[in-house]
């Protein structure tokens, strides 16, 4: 084989090996990024369920307190100020 053909073979072989290594690295990085997205989605769903449970608990407490206490809507007479005038 001539020197030029050996150089061409070596260059194309190294180029092909480099491309294969790059593609494998790229696939692993993409897979890791996709997995991180799944983990992030699970965490968001968990937080949403916690917030919903907290909301339901607060709603139940509100209903319980409304049964026990009278709640004013603020439509009553205005409170008196120190000088005796209404606000």
PDB file of N, CA and C in Angstrom:
ATOM      1  N   UNK A   1       0.845  -1.172   0.000  1.00  0.00           N
ATOM      2  CA  UNK A   1       0.000   0.000   0.000  1.00  0.00           C
ATOM      3  C   UNK A   1       0.894   1.239   0.000  1.00  0.00           C
ATOM      4  N   UNK A   2       0.425   2.231  -0.686  1.00  0.00           N
ATOM      5  CA  UNK A   2       1.206   3.465  -0.744  1.00  0.00           C
ATOM      6  C   UNK A   2       1.021   4.263   0.546  1.00  0.00           C
ATOM      7  N   UNK A   3       1.896   5.194   0.732  1.00  0.00           N
ATOM      8  CA  UNK A   3       1.852   6.022   1.932  1.00  0.00           C
ATOM      9  C   UNK A   3       0.556   6.841   1.973  1.00  0.00           C
ATOM     10  N   UNK A   4       0.120   7.345   0.879  1.00  0.00           N
ATOM     11  CA  UNK A   4      -1.106   8.147   0.806  1.00  0.00           C
ATOM     12  C   UNK A   4      -2.329   7.305   1.155  1.00  0.00           C
ATOM     13  N   UNK A   5      -2.370   6.067   0.669  1.00  0.00           N
ATOM     14  CA  UNK A   5      -3.518   5.210   0.974  1.00  0.00           C
ATOM     15  C   UNK A   5      -3.530   4.823   2.453  1.00  0.00           C
ATOM     16  N   UNK A   6      -2.340   4.608   3.045  1.00  0.00           N
ATOM     17  CA  UNK A   6      -2.276   4.305   4.484  1.00  0.00           C
ATOM     18  C   UNK A   6      -2.761   5.503   5.307  1.00  0.00           C
ATOM     19  N   UNK A   7      -2.337   6.682   4.898  1.00  0.00           N
ATOM     20  CA  UNK A   7      -2.759   7.898   5.597  1.00  0.00           C
ATOM     21  C   UNK A   7      -4.269   8.104   5.462  1.00  0.00           C
ATOM     22  N   UNK A   8      -4.814   7.858   4.301  1.00  0.00           N
ATOM     23  CA  UNK A   8      -6.252   7.987   4.080  1.00  0.00           C
ATOM     24  C   UNK A   8      -7.020   6.970   4.916  1.00  0.00           C
ATOM     25  N   UNK A   9      -6.540   5.731   4.945  1.00  0.00           N
ATOM     26  CA  UNK A   9      -7.188   4.692   5.747  1.00  0.00           C
ATOM     27  C   UNK A   9      -7.153   5.048   7.230  1.00  0.00           C
ATOM     28  N   UNK A  10      -6.014   5.507   7.717  1.00  0.00           N
ATOM     29  CA  UNK A  10      -5.888   5.876   9.132  1.00  0.00           C
ATOM     30  C   UNK A  10      -6.801   7.053   9.470  1.00  0.00           C
ATOM     31  N   UNK A  11      -6.838   8.043   8.601  1.00  0.00           N
ATOM     32  CA  UNK A  11      -7.671   9.225   8.845  1.00  0.00           C
ATOM     33  C   UNK A  11      -9.153   8.862   8.859  1.00  0.00           C
ATOM     34  N   UNK A  12      -9.596   8.094   7.900  1.00  0.00           N
ATOM     35  CA  UNK A  12     -11.013   7.720   7.865  1.00  0.00           C
ATOM     36  C   UNK A  12     -11.367   6.792   9.022  1.00  0.00           C
ATOM     37  N   UNK A  13     -10.440   5.914   9.399  1.00  0.00           N
ATOM     38  CA  UNK A  13     -10.696   5.019  10.541  1.00  0.00           C
ATOM     39  C   UNK A  13     -10.820   5.818  11.829  1.00  0.00           C
ATOM     40  N   UNK A  14      -9.890   6.745  12.058  1.00  0.00           N
ATOM     41  CA  UNK A  14      -9.966   7.588  13.256  1.00  0.00           C
ATOM     42  C   UNK A  14     -11.226   8.453  13.237  1.00  0.00           C
ATOM     43  N   UNK A  15     -11.590   8.961  12.079  1.00  0.00           N
ATOM     44  CA  UNK A  15     -12.818   9.753  11.968  1.00  0.00           C
ATOM     45  C   UNK A  15     -14.050   8.927  12.297  1.00  0.00           C
ATOM     46  N   UNK A  16     -14.100   7.695  11.773  1.00  0.00           N
ATOM     47  CA  UNK A  16     -15.247   6.819  12.047  1.00  0.00           C
ATOM     48  C   UNK A  16     -15.316   6.461  13.527  1.00  0.00           C
ATOM     49  N   UNK A  17     -14.167   6.147  14.124  1.00  0.00           N
ATOM     50  CA  UNK A  17     -14.135   5.821  15.559  1.00  0.00           C
ATOM     51  C   UNK A  17     -14.578   7.030  16.380  1.00  0.00           C
ATOM     52  N   UNK A  18     -14.106   8.208  16.009  1.00  0.00           N
ATOM     53  CA  UNK A  18     -14.507   9.430  16.709  1.00  0.00           C
ATOM     54  C   UNK A  18     -16.002   9.676  16.615  1.00  0.00           C
ATOM     55  N   UNK A  19     -16.555   9.451  15.447  1.00  0.00           N
ATOM     56  CA  UNK A  19     -17.999   9.649  15.262  1.00  0.00           C
ATOM     57  C   UNK A  19     -18.788   8.651  16.098  1.00  0.00           C
ATOM     58  N   UNK A  20     -18.357   7.390  16.123  1.00  0.00           N
ATOM     59  CA  UNK A  20     -19.053   6.366  16.912  1.00  0.00           C
ATOM     60  C   UNK A  20     -19.000   6.724  18.396  1.00  0.00           C
ATOM     61  N   UNK A  21     -17.829   7.146  18.881  1.00  0.00           N
ATOM     62  CA  UNK A  21     -17.701   7.532  20.296  1.00  0.00           C
ATOM     63  C   UNK A  21     -18.600   8.726  20.597  1.00  0.00           C
ATOM     64  N   UNK A  22     -18.611   9.713  19.708  1.00  0.00           N
ATOM     65  CA  UNK A  22     -19.454  10.886  19.918  1.00  0.00           C
ATOM     66  C   UNK A  22     -20.932  10.511  19.955  1.00  0.00           C
ATOM     67  N   UNK A  23     -21.364   9.649  19.053  1.00  0.00           N
ATOM     68  CA  UNK A  23     -22.770   9.244  19.004  1.00  0.00           C
ATOM     69  C   UNK A  23     -23.151   8.503  20.280  1.00  0.00           C
ATOM     70  N   UNK A  24     -22.295   7.610  20.760  1.00  0.00           N
ATOM     71  CA  UNK A  24     -22.593   6.893  22.003  1.00  0.00           C
ATOM     72  C   UNK A  24     -22.666   7.859  23.188  1.00  0.00           C
ATOM     73  N   UNK A  25     -21.729   8.789  23.264  1.00  0.00           N
ATOM     74  CA  UNK A  25     -21.755   9.777  24.338  1.00  0.00           C
ATOM     75  C   UNK A  25     -23.031  10.616  24.260  1.00  0.00           C
ATOM     76  N   UNK A  26     -23.382  11.028  23.050  1.00  0.00           N
ATOM     77  CA  UNK A  26     -24.579  11.838  22.855  1.00  0.00           C
ATOM     78  C   UNK A  26     -25.839  11.078  23.272  1.00  0.00           C
ATOM     79  N   UNK A  27     -25.915   9.793  22.923  1.00  0.00           N
ATOM     80  CA  UNK A  27     -27.076   8.989  23.297  1.00  0.00           C
ATOM     81  C   UNK A  27     -27.172   8.838  24.812  1.00  0.00           C
ATOM     82  N   UNK A  28     -26.043   8.616  25.467  1.00  0.00           N
ATOM     83  CA  UNK A  28     -26.062   8.491  26.934  1.00  0.00           C
ATOM     84  C   UNK A  28     -26.489   9.793  27.594  1.00  0.00           C
ATOM     85  N   UNK A  29     -25.976  10.909  27.086  1.00  0.00           N
ATOM     86  CA  UNK A  29     -26.350  12.206  27.646  1.00  0.00           C
ATOM     87  C   UNK A  29     -27.841  12.476  27.437  1.00  0.00           C
ATOM     88  N   UNK A  30     -28.352  12.137  26.260  1.00  0.00           N
ATOM     89  CA  UNK A  30     -29.776  12.335  25.980  1.00  0.00           C
ATOM     90  C   UNK A  30     -30.642  11.450  26.873  1.00  0.00           C
ATOM     91  N   UNK A  31     -30.212  10.208  27.074  1.00  0.00           N
ATOM     92  CA  UNK A  31     -30.956   9.292  27.941  1.00  0.00           C
ATOM     93  C   UNK A  31     -30.969   9.813  29.377  1.00  0.00           C
ATOM     94  N   UNK A  32     -29.831  10.323  29.847  1.00  0.00           N
ATOM     95  CA  UNK A  32     -29.765  10.878  31.203  1.00  0.00           C
ATOM     96  C   UNK A  32     -30.674  12.100  31.334  1.00  0.00           C
ATOM     97  N   UNK A  33     -30.704  12.940  30.310  1.00  0.00           N
ATOM     98  CA  UNK A  33     -31.566  14.125  30.342  1.00  0.00           C
ATOM     99  C   UNK A  33     -33.038  13.725  30.356  1.00  0.00           C
ATOM    100  N   UNK A  34     -33.388  12.711  29.580  1.00  0.00           N
ATOM    101  CA  UNK A  34     -34.778  12.241  29.563  1.00  0.00           C
ATOM    102  C   UNK A  34     -35.158  11.648  30.915  1.00  0.00           C
ATOM    103  N   UNK A  35     -34.245  10.918  31.529  1.00  0.00           N
ATOM    104  CA  UNK A  35     -34.511  10.327  32.842  1.00  0.00           C
ATOM    105  C   UNK A  35     -34.685  11.429  33.890  1.00  0.00           C
ATOM    106  N   UNK A  36     -33.862  12.461  33.801  1.00  0.00           N
ATOM    107  CA  UNK A  36     -34.003  13.590  34.725  1.00  0.00           C
ATOM    108  C   UNK A  36     -35.368  14.253  34.545  1.00  0.00           C
ATOM    109  N   UNK A  37     -35.860  14.320  33.318  1.00  0.00           N
ATOM    110  CA  UNK A  37     -37.189  14.881  33.075  1.00  0.00           C
ATOM    111  C   UNK A  37     -38.284  14.052  33.715  1.00  0.00           C
ATOM    112  N   UNK A  38     -38.140  12.733  33.668  1.00  0.00           N
ATOM    113  CA  UNK A  38     -39.124  11.844  34.295  1.00  0.00           C
ATOM    114  C   UNK A  38     -39.108  12.044  35.807  1.00  0.00           C
ATOM    115  N   UNK A  39     -37.911  12.112  36.384  1.00  0.00           N
ATOM    116  CA  UNK A  39     -37.788  12.337  37.829  1.00  0.00           C
ATOM    117  C   UNK A  39     -38.423  13.676  38.199  1.00  0.00           C
ATOM    118  N   UNK A  40     -38.170  14.711  37.394  1.00  0.00           N
ATOM    119  CA  UNK A  40     -38.751  16.026  37.663  1.00  0.00           C
ATOM    120  C   UNK A  40     -40.281  15.970  37.578  1.00  0.00           C
ATOM    121  N   UNK A  41     -40.818  15.234  36.603  1.00  0.00           N
ATOM    122  CA  UNK A  41     -42.269  15.088  36.478  1.00  0.00           C
ATOM    123  C   UNK A  41     -42.867  14.383  37.691  1.00  0.00           C
ATOM    124  N   UNK A  42     -42.204  13.315  38.159  1.00  0.00           N
ATOM    125  CA  UNK A  42     -42.682  12.616  39.355  1.00  0.00           C
ATOM    126  C   UNK A  42     -42.700  13.554  40.559  1.00  0.00           C
ATOM    127  N   UNK A  43     -41.662  14.367  40.691  1.00  0.00           N
ATOM    128  CA  UNK A  43     -41.594  15.304  41.809  1.00  0.00           C
ATOM    129  C   UNK A  43     -42.712  16.339  41.709  1.00  0.00           C
ATOM    130  N   UNK A  44     -42.982  16.841  40.509  1.00  0.00           N
ATOM    131  CA  UNK A  44     -44.065  17.805  40.332  1.00  0.00           C
ATOM    132  C   UNK A  44     -45.416  17.183  40.658  1.00  0.00           C
ATOM    133  N   UNK A  45     -45.624  15.936  40.257  1.00  0.00           N
ATOM    134  CA  UNK A  45     -46.877  15.249  40.566  1.00  0.00           C
ATOM    135  C   UNK A  45     -47.019  15.029  42.069  1.00  0.00           C
ATOM    136  N   UNK A  46     -45.904  14.686  42.733  1.00  0.00           N
ATOM    137  CA  UNK A  46     -45.941  14.488  44.180  1.00  0.00           C
ATOM    138  C   UNK A  46     -46.298  15.797  44.882  1.00  0.00           C
ATOM    139  N   UNK A  47     -45.680  16.893  44.466  1.00  0.00           N
ATOM    140  CA  UNK A  47     -45.990  18.185  45.065  1.00  0.00           C
ATOM    141  C   UNK A  47     -47.441  18.578  44.813  1.00  0.00           C
ATOM    142  N   UNK A  48     -47.935  18.295  43.624  1.00  0.00           N
ATOM    143  CA  UNK A  48     -49.327  18.617  43.305  1.00  0.00           C
ATOM    144  C   UNK A  48     -50.276  17.826  44.203  1.00  0.00           C
ATOM    145  N   UNK A  49     -49.974  16.525  44.408  1.00  0.00           N
ATOM    146  CA  UNK A  49     -50.819  15.715  45.292  1.00  0.00           C
ATOM    147  C   UNK A  49     -50.767  16.237  46.727  1.00  0.00           C
ATOM    148  N   UNK A  50     -49.572  16.642  47.192  1.00  0.00           N
ATOM    149  CA  UNK A  50     -49.461  17.185  48.547  1.00  0.00           C
ATOM    150  C   UNK A  50     -50.264  18.472  48.682  1.00  0.00           C
ATOM    151  N   UNK A  51     -50.149  19.346  47.690  1.00  0.00           N
ATOM    152  CA  UNK A  51     -50.893  20.611  47.745  1.00  0.00           C
ATOM    153  C   UNK A  51     -52.395  20.366  47.702  1.00  0.00           C
ATOM    154  N   UNK A  52     -52.824  19.404  46.886  1.00  0.00           N
ATOM    155  CA  UNK A  52     -54.248  19.089  46.799  1.00  0.00           C
ATOM    156  C   UNK A  52     -54.751  18.530  48.124  1.00  0.00           C
ATOM    157  N   UNK A  53     -53.957  17.651  48.748  1.00  0.00           N
ATOM    158  CA  UNK A  53     -54.349  17.092  50.043  1.00  0.00           C
ATOM    159  C   UNK A  53     -54.421  18.192  51.094  1.00  0.00           C
ATOM    160  N   UNK A  54     -53.465  19.120  51.076  1.00  0.00           N
ATOM    161  CA  UNK A  54     -53.478  20.231  52.020  1.00  0.00           C
ATOM    162  C   UNK A  54     -54.697  21.117  51.780  1.00  0.00           C
ATOM    163  N   UNK A  55     -55.015  21.351  50.514  1.00  0.00           N
ATOM    164  CA  UNK A  55     -56.186  22.159  50.182  1.00  0.00           C
ATOM    165  C   UNK A  55     -57.462  21.496  50.687  1.00  0.00           C
ATOM    166  N   UNK A  56     -57.584  20.191  50.467  1.00  0.00           N
ATOM    167  CA  UNK A  56     -58.769  19.465  50.935  1.00  0.00           C
ATOM    168  C   UNK A  56     -58.866  19.503  52.456  1.00  0.00           C
ATOM    169  N   UNK A  57     -57.723  19.368  53.136  1.00  0.00           N
ATOM    170  CA  UNK A  57     -57.726  19.422  54.594  1.00  0.00           C
ATOM    171  C   UNK A  57     -58.161  20.816  55.062  1.00  0.00           C
ATOM    172  N   UNK A  58     -57.658  21.862  54.409  1.00  0.00           N
ATOM    173  CA  UNK A  58     -58.048  23.221  54.775  1.00  0.00           C
ATOM    174  C   UNK A  58     -59.535  23.454  54.509  1.00  0.00           C
ATOM    175  N   UNK A  59     -60.031  22.908  53.416  1.00  0.00           N
ATOM    176  CA  UNK A  59     -61.455  23.055  53.105  1.00  0.00           C
ATOM    177  C   UNK A  59     -62.312  22.348  54.163  1.00  0.00           C
ATOM    178  N   UNK A  60     -61.887  21.150  54.588  1.00  0.00           N
ATOM    179  CA  UNK A  60     -62.629  20.422  55.620  1.00  0.00           C
ATOM    180  C   UNK A  60     -62.599  21.190  56.936  1.00  0.00           C
ATOM    181  N   UNK A  61     -61.437  21.747  57.281  1.00  0.00           N
ATOM    182  CA  UNK A  61     -61.349  22.548  58.504  1.00  0.00           C
ATOM    183  C   UNK A  61     -62.242  23.779  58.411  1.00  0.00           C
ATOM    184  N   UNK A  62     -62.281  24.414  57.262  1.00  0.00           N
ATOM    185  CA  UNK A  62     -63.128  25.587  57.085  1.00  0.00           C
ATOM    186  C   UNK A  62     -64.598  25.222  57.288  1.00  0.00           C
ATOM    187  N   UNK A  63     -65.019  24.111  56.698  1.00  0.00           N
ATOM    188  CA  UNK A  63     -66.404  23.673  56.869  1.00  0.00           C
ATOM    189  C   UNK A  63     -66.705  23.372  58.333  1.00  0.00           C
ATOM    190  N   UNK A  64     -65.762  22.724  59.006  1.00  0.00           N
ATOM    191  CA  UNK A  64     -65.955  22.407  60.427  1.00  0.00           C
ATOM    192  C   UNK A  64     -66.059  23.684  61.246  1.00  0.00           C
ATOM    193  N   UNK A  65     -65.187  24.650  60.967  1.00  0.00           N
ATOM    194  CA  UNK A  65     -65.217  25.912  61.707  1.00  0.00           C
ATOM    195  C   UNK A  65     -66.475  26.708  61.394  1.00  0.00           C
ATOM    196  N   UNK A  66     -66.949  26.645  60.157  1.00  0.00           N
ATOM    197  CA  UNK A  66     -68.183  27.359  59.814  1.00  0.00           C
ATOM    198  C   UNK A  66     -69.387  26.784  60.565  1.00  0.00           C
ATOM    199  N   UNK A  67     -69.351  25.482  60.851  1.00  0.00           N
ATOM    200  CA  UNK A  67     -70.440  24.871  61.612  1.00  0.00           C
ATOM    201  C   UNK A  67     -70.419  25.347  63.057  1.00  0.00           C
ATOM    202  N   UNK A  68     -69.226  25.537  63.598  1.00  0.00           N
ATOM    203  CA  UNK A  68     -69.075  25.891  65.009  1.00  0.00           C
ATOM    204  C   UNK A  68     -69.161  27.395  65.217  1.00  0.00           C
ATOM    205  N   UNK A  69     -68.592  28.175  64.312  1.00  0.00           N
ATOM    206  CA  UNK A  69     -68.507  29.618  64.494  1.00  0.00           C
ATOM    207  C   UNK A  69     -69.417  30.334  63.511  1.00  0.00           C
ATOM    208  N   UNK A  70     -69.832  31.540  63.896  1.00  0.00           N
ATOM    209  CA  UNK A  70     -70.536  32.383  62.946  1.00  0.00           C
ATOM    210  C   UNK A  70     -69.495  33.244  62.251  1.00  0.00           C
ATOM    211  N   UNK A  71     -69.602  33.334  60.939  1.00  0.00           N
ATOM    212  CA  UNK A  71     -68.619  34.073  60.161  1.00  0.00           C
ATOM    213  C   UNK A  71     -69.301  35.293  59.575  1.00  0.00           C
ATOM    214  N   UNK A  72     -68.736  36.456  59.846  1.00  0.00           N
ATOM    215  CA  UNK A  72     -69.279  37.702  59.322  1.00  0.00           C
ATOM    216  C   UNK A  72     -68.704  37.954  57.938  1.00  0.00           C
ATOM    217  N   UNK A  73     -69.547  38.470  57.042  1.00  0.00           N
ATOM    218  CA  UNK A  73     -69.062  38.771  55.702  1.00  0.00           C
ATOM    219  C   UNK A  73     -68.524  40.189  55.610  1.00  0.00           C
ATOM    220  N   UNK A  74     -68.511  40.912  56.711  1.00  0.00           N
ATOM    221  CA  UNK A  74     -67.975  42.264  56.717  1.00  0.00           C
ATOM    222  C   UNK A  74     -68.999  43.310  56.328  1.00  0.00           C
ATOM    223  N   UNK A  75     -70.257  42.949  56.207  1.00  0.00           N
ATOM    224  CA  UNK A  75     -71.284  43.891  55.780  1.00  0.00           C
ATOM    225  C   UNK A  75     -71.949  44.625  56.928  1.00  0.00           C
ATOM    226  N   UNK A  76     -71.466  44.462  58.129  1.00  0.00           N
ATOM    227  CA  UNK A  76     -72.072  45.093  59.298  1.00  0.00           C
ATOM    228  C   UNK A  76     -71.685  46.556  59.409  1.00  0.00           C
ATOM    229  N   UNK A  77     -72.025  47.177  60.540  1.00  0.00           N
ATOM    230  CA  UNK A  77     -71.711  48.596  60.734  1.00  0.00           C
ATOM    231  C   UNK A  77     -70.200  48.814  60.789  1.00  0.00           C
ATOM    232  N   UNK A  78     -69.784  50.001  60.367  1.00  0.00           N
ATOM    233  CA  UNK A  78     -68.360  50.331  60.351  1.00  0.00           C
ATOM    234  C   UNK A  78     -67.865  50.490  61.782  1.00  0.00           C
ATOM    235  N   UNK A  79     -66.654  50.072  62.079  1.00  0.00           N
ATOM    236  CA  UNK A  79     -66.118  50.212  63.430  1.00  0.00           C
ATOM    237  C   UNK A  79     -65.870  51.681  63.755  1.00  0.00           C
ATOM    238  N   UNK A  80     -65.984  52.016  65.024  1.00  0.00           N
ATOM    239  CA  UNK A  80     -65.789  53.387  65.486  1.00  0.00           C
ATOM    240  C   UNK A  80     -64.300  53.684  65.633  1.00  0.00           C
ATOM    241  N   UNK A  81     -63.915  54.909  65.241  1.00  0.00           N
ATOM    242  CA  UNK A  81     -62.543  55.348  65.453  1.00  0.00           C
ATOM    243  C   UNK A  81     -62.450  55.992  66.820  1.00  0.00           C
ATOM    244  N   UNK A  82     -61.266  56.384  67.230  1.00  0.00           N
ATOM    245  CA  UNK A  82     -61.055  56.963  68.561  1.00  0.00           C
ATOM    246  C   UNK A  82     -61.808  58.278  68.753  1.00  0.00           C
ATOM    247  N   UNK A  83     -61.957  59.040  67.681  1.00  0.00           N
ATOM    248  CA  UNK A  83     -62.632  60.328  67.833  1.00  0.00           C
ATOM    249  C   UNK A  83     -64.148  60.197  67.756  1.00  0.00           C
ATOM    250  N   UNK A  84     -64.654  58.949  67.634  1.00  0.00           N
ATOM    251  CA  UNK A  84     -66.083  58.711  67.648  1.00  0.00           C
ATOM    252  C   UNK A  84     -66.736  58.717  66.284  1.00  0.00           C
ATOM    253  N   UNK A  85     -65.977  58.927  65.220  1.00  0.00           N
ATOM    254  CA  UNK A  85     -66.559  58.923  63.882  1.00  0.00           C
ATOM    255  C   UNK A  85     -66.392  57.554  63.253  1.00  0.00           C
ATOM    256  N   UNK A  86     -67.273  57.273  62.311  1.00  0.00           N
ATOM    257  CA  UNK A  86     -67.183  55.995  61.602  1.00  0.00           C
ATOM    258  C   UNK A  86     -66.082  56.089  60.554  1.00  0.00           C
ATOM    259  N   UNK A  87     -65.461  54.957  60.274  1.00  0.00           N
ATOM    260  CA  UNK A  87     -64.382  54.975  59.280  1.00  0.00           C
ATOM    261  C   UNK A  87     -64.905  54.888  57.881  1.00  0.00           C
TER     262      UNK A  87
END
